[in-house]
C-alpha cells in the first residue's frame, strides 16, 4: 500500500557533488541539480510510490520546500531524509538557535510527500518567493 506521507528525521550536510556545483557557481545547473534534492531510503521511496528524480515536498514546523528525490547511494537509512546544505534545506531548517548561536541543521522531524504537481523552484525564484528579492 502506498502511503501519502512519511514522517522522518532530517539531516543536512555537505556532499562532493554539491561542492563541485558550488565551484561552478551557485547559479549553475550543476549546483541546482545537486542541492535542490533530498535523499531517501529505497524502502521509504517504495512506501511513498516514488522513483528517483520525482518531485517531493519536505515539510517541517519551520517551512516547506519542493525538491527532487534521490535514493541514498549507500546503505539502508530508513526514516532518515538527507538534504545537502543550501537554500532549499534552509527553507525547512528554521532560524531558532536555542541559545547556541546556530540553528538546528540535523535531527528534527519532517514529513515527506509526493508533489507531482508542484515545481522545484530555482535559486532566483525561491529567493524571490521567500525573501522578496
N, C-alpha and C. Protein backbone atom coordinates (compact mmCIF):
# COMPACT_ATOMS: atom_id res chain seq x y z
N UNK A 1 0.83 -1.18 0.00
CA UNK A 1 0.00 0.00 0.00
C UNK A 1 0.88 1.25 0.00
N UNK A 2 0.58 2.19 -0.86
CA UNK A 2 1.34 3.43 -0.95
C UNK A 2 0.83 4.41 0.10
N UNK A 3 1.75 4.96 0.87
CA UNK A 3 1.40 5.94 1.89
C UNK A 3 1.41 7.34 1.29
N UNK A 4 0.63 8.25 1.88
CA UNK A 4 0.58 9.63 1.39
C UNK A 4 1.71 10.48 1.93
N UNK A 5 2.10 10.21 3.19
CA UNK A 5 3.16 10.99 3.83
C UNK A 5 4.04 10.06 4.65
N UNK A 6 5.26 10.49 4.83
CA UNK A 6 6.22 9.75 5.64
C UNK A 6 6.79 10.70 6.68
N UNK A 7 6.74 10.31 7.93
CA UNK A 7 7.41 11.07 8.99
C UNK A 7 8.84 10.57 9.09
N UNK A 8 9.77 11.51 9.16
CA UNK A 8 11.18 11.13 9.15
C UNK A 8 12.00 12.16 9.93
N UNK A 9 13.29 11.90 10.02
CA UNK A 9 14.23 12.80 10.67
C UNK A 9 15.14 13.40 9.60
N UNK A 10 15.27 14.72 9.61
CA UNK A 10 16.09 15.41 8.62
C UNK A 10 17.52 15.58 9.12
N UNK A 11 18.45 15.28 8.23
CA UNK A 11 19.87 15.53 8.44
C UNK A 11 20.34 16.34 7.24
N UNK A 12 21.07 17.43 7.48
CA UNK A 12 21.66 18.17 6.37
C UNK A 12 23.18 18.04 6.46
N UNK A 13 23.83 18.23 5.34
CA UNK A 13 25.28 18.13 5.33
C UNK A 13 25.83 18.44 3.95
N UNK A 14 27.12 18.33 3.83
CA UNK A 14 27.80 18.61 2.57
C UNK A 14 27.96 17.33 1.75
N UNK A 15 28.01 17.50 0.42
CA UNK A 15 28.29 16.37 -0.47
C UNK A 15 29.38 16.80 -1.46
N UNK A 16 30.05 15.82 -2.02
CA UNK A 16 31.07 16.10 -3.05
C UNK A 16 30.42 16.79 -4.25
N UNK A 17 29.28 16.24 -4.71
CA UNK A 17 28.61 16.80 -5.88
C UNK A 17 28.16 18.24 -5.64
N UNK A 18 27.73 18.52 -4.43
CA UNK A 18 27.36 19.89 -4.08
C UNK A 18 28.58 20.80 -4.18
N UNK A 19 29.71 20.34 -3.70
CA UNK A 19 30.95 21.12 -3.76
C UNK A 19 31.38 21.41 -5.19
N UNK A 20 31.24 20.41 -6.06
CA UNK A 20 31.59 20.60 -7.47
C UNK A 20 30.68 21.67 -8.07
N UNK A 21 29.37 21.57 -7.79
CA UNK A 21 28.43 22.56 -8.30
C UNK A 21 28.72 23.95 -7.77
N UNK A 22 29.10 24.04 -6.51
CA UNK A 22 29.40 25.34 -5.89
C UNK A 22 30.60 25.99 -6.57
N UNK A 23 31.59 25.18 -6.94
CA UNK A 23 32.76 25.72 -7.64
C UNK A 23 32.38 26.30 -9.00
N UNK A 24 31.37 25.72 -9.64
CA UNK A 24 30.89 26.23 -10.94
C UNK A 24 30.00 27.46 -10.77
N UNK A 25 29.51 27.67 -9.55
CA UNK A 25 28.67 28.83 -9.25
C UNK A 25 27.30 28.40 -8.76
N UNK A 26 26.81 29.11 -7.75
CA UNK A 26 25.51 28.75 -7.18
C UNK A 26 24.36 28.96 -8.15
N UNK A 27 24.60 29.67 -9.24
CA UNK A 27 23.58 29.83 -10.26
C UNK A 27 23.66 28.78 -11.35
N UNK A 28 24.61 27.84 -11.23
CA UNK A 28 24.81 26.83 -12.27
C UNK A 28 23.79 25.70 -12.17
N UNK A 29 23.55 25.06 -13.29
CA UNK A 29 22.65 23.90 -13.33
C UNK A 29 23.21 22.77 -12.48
N UNK A 30 24.52 22.61 -12.50
CA UNK A 30 25.19 21.57 -11.71
C UNK A 30 24.89 21.74 -10.22
N UNK A 31 24.97 22.97 -9.73
CA UNK A 31 24.68 23.24 -8.33
C UNK A 31 23.22 22.93 -8.03
N UNK A 32 22.31 23.45 -8.85
CA UNK A 32 20.87 23.22 -8.67
C UNK A 32 20.56 21.72 -8.62
N UNK A 33 21.10 20.97 -9.57
CA UNK A 33 20.82 19.54 -9.66
C UNK A 33 21.32 18.76 -8.45
N UNK A 34 22.28 19.30 -7.73
CA UNK A 34 22.86 18.59 -6.60
C UNK A 34 22.53 19.17 -5.23
N UNK A 35 21.76 20.25 -5.21
CA UNK A 35 21.38 20.86 -3.93
C UNK A 35 19.86 20.90 -3.75
N UNK A 36 19.11 21.04 -4.81
CA UNK A 36 17.64 21.07 -4.72
C UNK A 36 17.10 19.65 -4.73
N UNK A 37 17.66 18.82 -3.83
CA UNK A 37 17.33 17.40 -3.77
C UNK A 37 17.27 16.94 -2.32
N UNK A 38 16.71 15.76 -2.13
CA UNK A 38 16.86 15.08 -0.85
C UNK A 38 17.02 13.59 -1.13
N UNK A 39 17.68 12.93 -0.23
CA UNK A 39 17.95 11.50 -0.35
C UNK A 39 17.06 10.75 0.63
N UNK A 40 16.43 9.69 0.13
CA UNK A 40 15.60 8.82 0.96
C UNK A 40 16.07 7.38 0.83
N UNK A 41 15.75 6.59 1.82
CA UNK A 41 15.98 5.16 1.78
C UNK A 41 15.09 4.52 0.71
N UNK A 42 15.61 3.50 0.05
CA UNK A 42 14.85 2.81 -1.01
C UNK A 42 13.49 2.33 -0.50
N UNK A 43 13.44 1.75 0.69
CA UNK A 43 12.18 1.25 1.25
C UNK A 43 11.20 2.40 1.50
N UNK A 44 11.69 3.55 1.95
CA UNK A 44 10.82 4.71 2.16
C UNK A 44 10.30 5.24 0.83
N UNK A 45 11.13 5.20 -0.21
CA UNK A 45 10.68 5.63 -1.53
C UNK A 45 9.56 4.72 -2.03
N UNK A 46 9.71 3.43 -1.81
CA UNK A 46 8.68 2.47 -2.22
C UNK A 46 7.38 2.74 -1.46
N UNK A 47 7.47 3.00 -0.16
CA UNK A 47 6.28 3.30 0.65
C UNK A 47 5.49 4.46 0.08
N UNK A 48 6.20 5.45 -0.46
CA UNK A 48 5.55 6.65 -0.99
C UNK A 48 5.28 6.56 -2.49
N UNK A 49 5.65 5.45 -3.10
CA UNK A 49 5.44 5.29 -4.54
C UNK A 49 6.33 6.20 -5.37
N UNK A 50 7.53 6.48 -4.87
CA UNK A 50 8.44 7.41 -5.54
C UNK A 50 9.50 6.70 -6.36
N UNK A 51 9.90 7.35 -7.42
CA UNK A 51 11.04 6.93 -8.23
C UNK A 51 12.03 8.10 -8.25
N UNK A 52 13.33 7.81 -8.46
CA UNK A 52 14.32 8.90 -8.48
C UNK A 52 13.93 10.02 -9.44
N UNK A 53 14.23 11.23 -9.01
CA UNK A 53 14.00 12.48 -9.74
C UNK A 53 12.55 12.96 -9.73
N UNK A 54 11.68 12.27 -8.99
CA UNK A 54 10.30 12.77 -8.83
C UNK A 54 10.32 13.94 -7.85
N UNK A 55 9.34 14.82 -7.96
CA UNK A 55 9.23 15.95 -7.04
C UNK A 55 8.58 15.50 -5.74
N UNK A 56 9.16 15.96 -4.64
CA UNK A 56 8.58 15.70 -3.33
C UNK A 56 8.58 16.99 -2.52
N UNK A 57 7.68 17.04 -1.55
CA UNK A 57 7.61 18.17 -0.63
C UNK A 57 8.14 17.71 0.72
N UNK A 58 9.08 18.48 1.26
CA UNK A 58 9.61 18.24 2.60
C UNK A 58 9.08 19.37 3.47
N UNK A 59 8.43 19.00 4.58
CA UNK A 59 7.80 19.99 5.45
C UNK A 59 8.25 19.78 6.89
N UNK A 60 8.61 20.87 7.55
CA UNK A 60 8.92 20.84 8.98
C UNK A 60 8.07 21.90 9.66
N UNK A 61 8.23 22.05 10.96
CA UNK A 61 7.49 23.11 11.66
C UNK A 61 7.97 24.50 11.24
N UNK A 62 9.11 24.55 10.55
CA UNK A 62 9.68 25.83 10.14
C UNK A 62 9.29 26.25 8.73
N UNK A 63 8.94 25.30 7.88
CA UNK A 63 8.61 25.64 6.50
C UNK A 63 8.51 24.41 5.62
N UNK A 64 8.43 24.66 4.32
CA UNK A 64 8.22 23.60 3.35
C UNK A 64 8.94 23.94 2.05
N UNK A 65 9.39 22.91 1.34
CA UNK A 65 10.08 23.13 0.07
C UNK A 65 9.89 21.91 -0.83
N UNK A 66 9.84 22.14 -2.13
CA UNK A 66 9.74 21.06 -3.10
C UNK A 66 11.13 20.84 -3.70
N UNK A 67 11.56 19.58 -3.71
CA UNK A 67 12.86 19.20 -4.26
C UNK A 67 12.70 17.89 -5.03
N UNK A 68 13.76 17.48 -5.71
CA UNK A 68 13.79 16.17 -6.38
C UNK A 68 14.27 15.13 -5.37
N UNK A 69 13.76 13.91 -5.51
CA UNK A 69 14.17 12.83 -4.62
C UNK A 69 15.24 11.97 -5.30
N UNK A 70 16.18 11.53 -4.49
CA UNK A 70 17.20 10.58 -4.92
C UNK A 70 17.28 9.47 -3.88
N UNK A 71 17.72 8.30 -4.29
CA UNK A 71 17.91 7.19 -3.37
C UNK A 71 19.30 7.32 -2.73
N UNK A 72 19.36 7.04 -1.41
CA UNK A 72 20.67 7.02 -0.75
C UNK A 72 21.62 6.15 -1.57
N UNK A 73 22.83 6.63 -1.85
CA UNK A 73 23.75 5.86 -2.69
C UNK A 73 24.34 4.63 -2.00
N UNK A 74 24.41 4.66 -0.68
CA UNK A 74 25.00 3.54 0.06
C UNK A 74 24.19 3.25 1.31
N UNK A 75 23.99 1.99 1.58
CA UNK A 75 23.40 1.56 2.84
C UNK A 75 21.92 1.86 2.98
N UNK A 76 21.34 1.25 3.98
CA UNK A 76 19.93 1.46 4.31
C UNK A 76 19.83 2.52 5.41
N UNK A 77 18.94 3.47 5.20
CA UNK A 77 18.74 4.55 6.17
C UNK A 77 17.26 4.85 6.33
N UNK A 78 16.45 3.85 6.73
CA UNK A 78 15.01 4.10 6.84
C UNK A 78 14.71 5.19 7.87
N UNK A 79 13.74 6.03 7.51
CA UNK A 79 13.32 7.08 8.43
C UNK A 79 14.22 8.30 8.45
N UNK A 80 15.23 8.33 7.59
CA UNK A 80 16.16 9.47 7.53
C UNK A 80 16.00 10.16 6.18
N UNK A 81 15.95 11.48 6.21
CA UNK A 81 15.97 12.30 5.00
C UNK A 81 17.26 13.10 5.05
N UNK A 82 18.05 13.03 4.00
CA UNK A 82 19.28 13.82 3.93
C UNK A 82 19.13 14.87 2.85
N UNK A 83 19.43 16.12 3.19
CA UNK A 83 19.43 17.22 2.22
C UNK A 83 20.78 17.91 2.26
N UNK A 84 21.38 18.14 1.08
CA UNK A 84 22.62 18.92 1.04
C UNK A 84 22.37 20.35 1.55
N UNK A 85 23.33 20.91 2.25
CA UNK A 85 23.21 22.28 2.73
C UNK A 85 23.01 23.23 1.56
N UNK A 86 22.14 24.19 1.75
CA UNK A 86 21.86 25.17 0.71
C UNK A 86 20.51 25.81 0.96
N UNK A 87 20.10 26.66 0.05
CA UNK A 87 18.86 27.41 0.22
C UNK A 87 17.65 26.50 0.39
N UNK A 88 17.58 25.39 -0.34
CA UNK A 88 16.42 24.51 -0.27
C UNK A 88 16.33 23.87 1.11
N UNK A 89 17.43 23.41 1.66
CA UNK A 89 17.44 22.85 3.01
C UNK A 89 17.10 23.93 4.04
N UNK A 90 17.59 25.15 3.81
CA UNK A 90 17.32 26.24 4.76
C UNK A 90 15.83 26.54 4.89
N UNK A 91 15.06 26.24 3.86
CA UNK A 91 13.61 26.51 3.90
C UNK A 91 12.91 25.69 4.97
N UNK A 92 13.50 24.56 5.37
CA UNK A 92 12.87 23.71 6.38
C UNK A 92 13.65 23.66 7.69
N UNK A 93 14.81 24.33 7.75
CA UNK A 93 15.62 24.28 8.97
C UNK A 93 15.23 25.31 10.02
N UNK A 94 14.70 26.43 9.64
CA UNK A 94 14.31 27.44 10.62
C UNK A 94 15.49 28.26 11.09
N UNK A 95 15.20 29.22 11.98
CA UNK A 95 16.25 30.12 12.43
C UNK A 95 16.41 30.14 13.95
N UNK A 96 15.68 29.30 14.66
CA UNK A 96 15.81 29.23 16.12
C UNK A 96 17.18 28.65 16.47
N UNK A 97 17.90 29.33 17.38
CA UNK A 97 19.25 28.88 17.73
C UNK A 97 19.33 28.20 19.10
N UNK A 98 18.27 28.24 19.88
CA UNK A 98 18.25 27.59 21.19
C UNK A 98 19.44 28.03 22.05
N UNK A 99 19.77 29.32 21.97
CA UNK A 99 20.85 29.95 22.75
C UNK A 99 22.24 29.42 22.42
N UNK A 100 22.38 28.76 21.27
CA UNK A 100 23.69 28.21 20.89
C UNK A 100 24.35 29.00 19.76
N UNK A 101 23.61 29.93 19.15
CA UNK A 101 24.18 30.73 18.08
C UNK A 101 24.08 30.11 16.69
N UNK A 102 23.65 28.86 16.61
CA UNK A 102 23.50 28.18 15.31
C UNK A 102 22.13 27.50 15.28
N UNK A 103 21.44 27.60 14.16
CA UNK A 103 20.17 26.88 14.05
C UNK A 103 20.40 25.37 13.95
N UNK A 104 19.34 24.62 14.16
CA UNK A 104 19.42 23.17 14.00
C UNK A 104 19.52 22.82 12.52
N UNK A 105 20.47 22.02 12.18
CA UNK A 105 20.60 21.51 10.82
C UNK A 105 20.48 19.99 10.78
N UNK A 106 20.33 19.38 11.93
CA UNK A 106 20.29 17.93 12.00
C UNK A 106 19.33 17.47 13.08
N UNK A 107 18.65 16.36 12.80
CA UNK A 107 17.93 15.65 13.84
C UNK A 107 16.57 16.20 14.21
N UNK A 108 15.85 16.81 13.28
CA UNK A 108 14.50 17.24 13.63
C UNK A 108 13.47 16.64 12.67
N UNK A 109 12.22 16.65 13.13
CA UNK A 109 11.14 15.96 12.42
C UNK A 109 10.72 16.69 11.15
N UNK A 110 10.48 15.90 10.10
CA UNK A 110 9.92 16.40 8.85
C UNK A 110 8.89 15.40 8.35
N UNK A 111 8.04 15.87 7.45
CA UNK A 111 7.15 15.00 6.70
C UNK A 111 7.52 15.11 5.24
N UNK A 112 7.51 13.99 4.56
CA UNK A 112 7.83 13.94 3.14
C UNK A 112 6.62 13.38 2.42
N UNK A 113 6.28 14.01 1.28
CA UNK A 113 5.15 13.52 0.49
C UNK A 113 5.39 13.77 -0.99
N UNK A 114 4.85 12.92 -1.84
CA UNK A 114 4.97 13.16 -3.28
C UNK A 114 4.35 14.52 -3.64
N UNK A 115 4.95 15.20 -4.60
CA UNK A 115 4.45 16.51 -5.04
C UNK A 115 4.51 16.58 -6.57
N UNK A 116 3.80 15.67 -7.25
CA UNK A 116 3.92 15.59 -8.70
C UNK A 116 3.44 16.83 -9.44
N UNK A 117 2.58 17.61 -8.83
CA UNK A 117 2.04 18.81 -9.49
C UNK A 117 2.74 20.09 -9.08
N UNK A 118 3.75 19.98 -8.22
CA UNK A 118 4.49 21.15 -7.77
C UNK A 118 5.82 21.24 -8.51
N UNK A 119 6.36 22.44 -8.55
CA UNK A 119 7.60 22.71 -9.28
C UNK A 119 8.73 22.94 -8.29
N UNK A 120 9.91 22.42 -8.61
CA UNK A 120 11.11 22.73 -7.83
C UNK A 120 11.58 24.11 -8.30
N UNK A 121 11.51 25.07 -7.40
CA UNK A 121 11.90 26.44 -7.76
C UNK A 121 13.42 26.56 -7.87
N UNK A 122 13.86 27.35 -8.84
CA UNK A 122 15.27 27.65 -8.98
C UNK A 122 15.72 28.62 -7.90
N UNK A 123 17.00 28.87 -7.82
CA UNK A 123 17.56 29.73 -6.79
C UNK A 123 16.92 31.12 -6.79
N UNK A 124 16.86 31.76 -7.95
CA UNK A 124 16.29 33.11 -8.02
C UNK A 124 14.80 33.11 -7.67
N UNK A 125 14.07 32.10 -8.16
CA UNK A 125 12.63 32.02 -7.89
C UNK A 125 12.37 31.80 -6.41
N UNK A 126 13.16 30.94 -5.79
CA UNK A 126 12.97 30.65 -4.36
C UNK A 126 13.32 31.86 -3.51
N UNK A 127 14.39 32.57 -3.87
CA UNK A 127 14.75 33.80 -3.15
C UNK A 127 13.63 34.83 -3.25
N UNK A 128 13.09 34.98 -4.44
CA UNK A 128 12.01 35.95 -4.65
C UNK A 128 10.77 35.57 -3.85
N UNK A 129 10.41 34.29 -3.88
CA UNK A 129 9.22 33.81 -3.16
C UNK A 129 9.38 33.98 -1.65
N UNK A 130 10.52 33.59 -1.12
CA UNK A 130 10.71 33.58 0.32
C UNK A 130 11.14 34.92 0.91
N UNK A 131 11.93 35.67 0.15
CA UNK A 131 12.52 36.89 0.71
C UNK A 131 12.17 38.15 -0.07
N UNK A 132 11.40 38.00 -1.15
CA UNK A 132 11.01 39.16 -1.95
C UNK A 132 12.16 39.78 -2.71
N UNK A 133 13.23 39.02 -2.95
CA UNK A 133 14.41 39.56 -3.65
C UNK A 133 14.58 38.92 -5.00
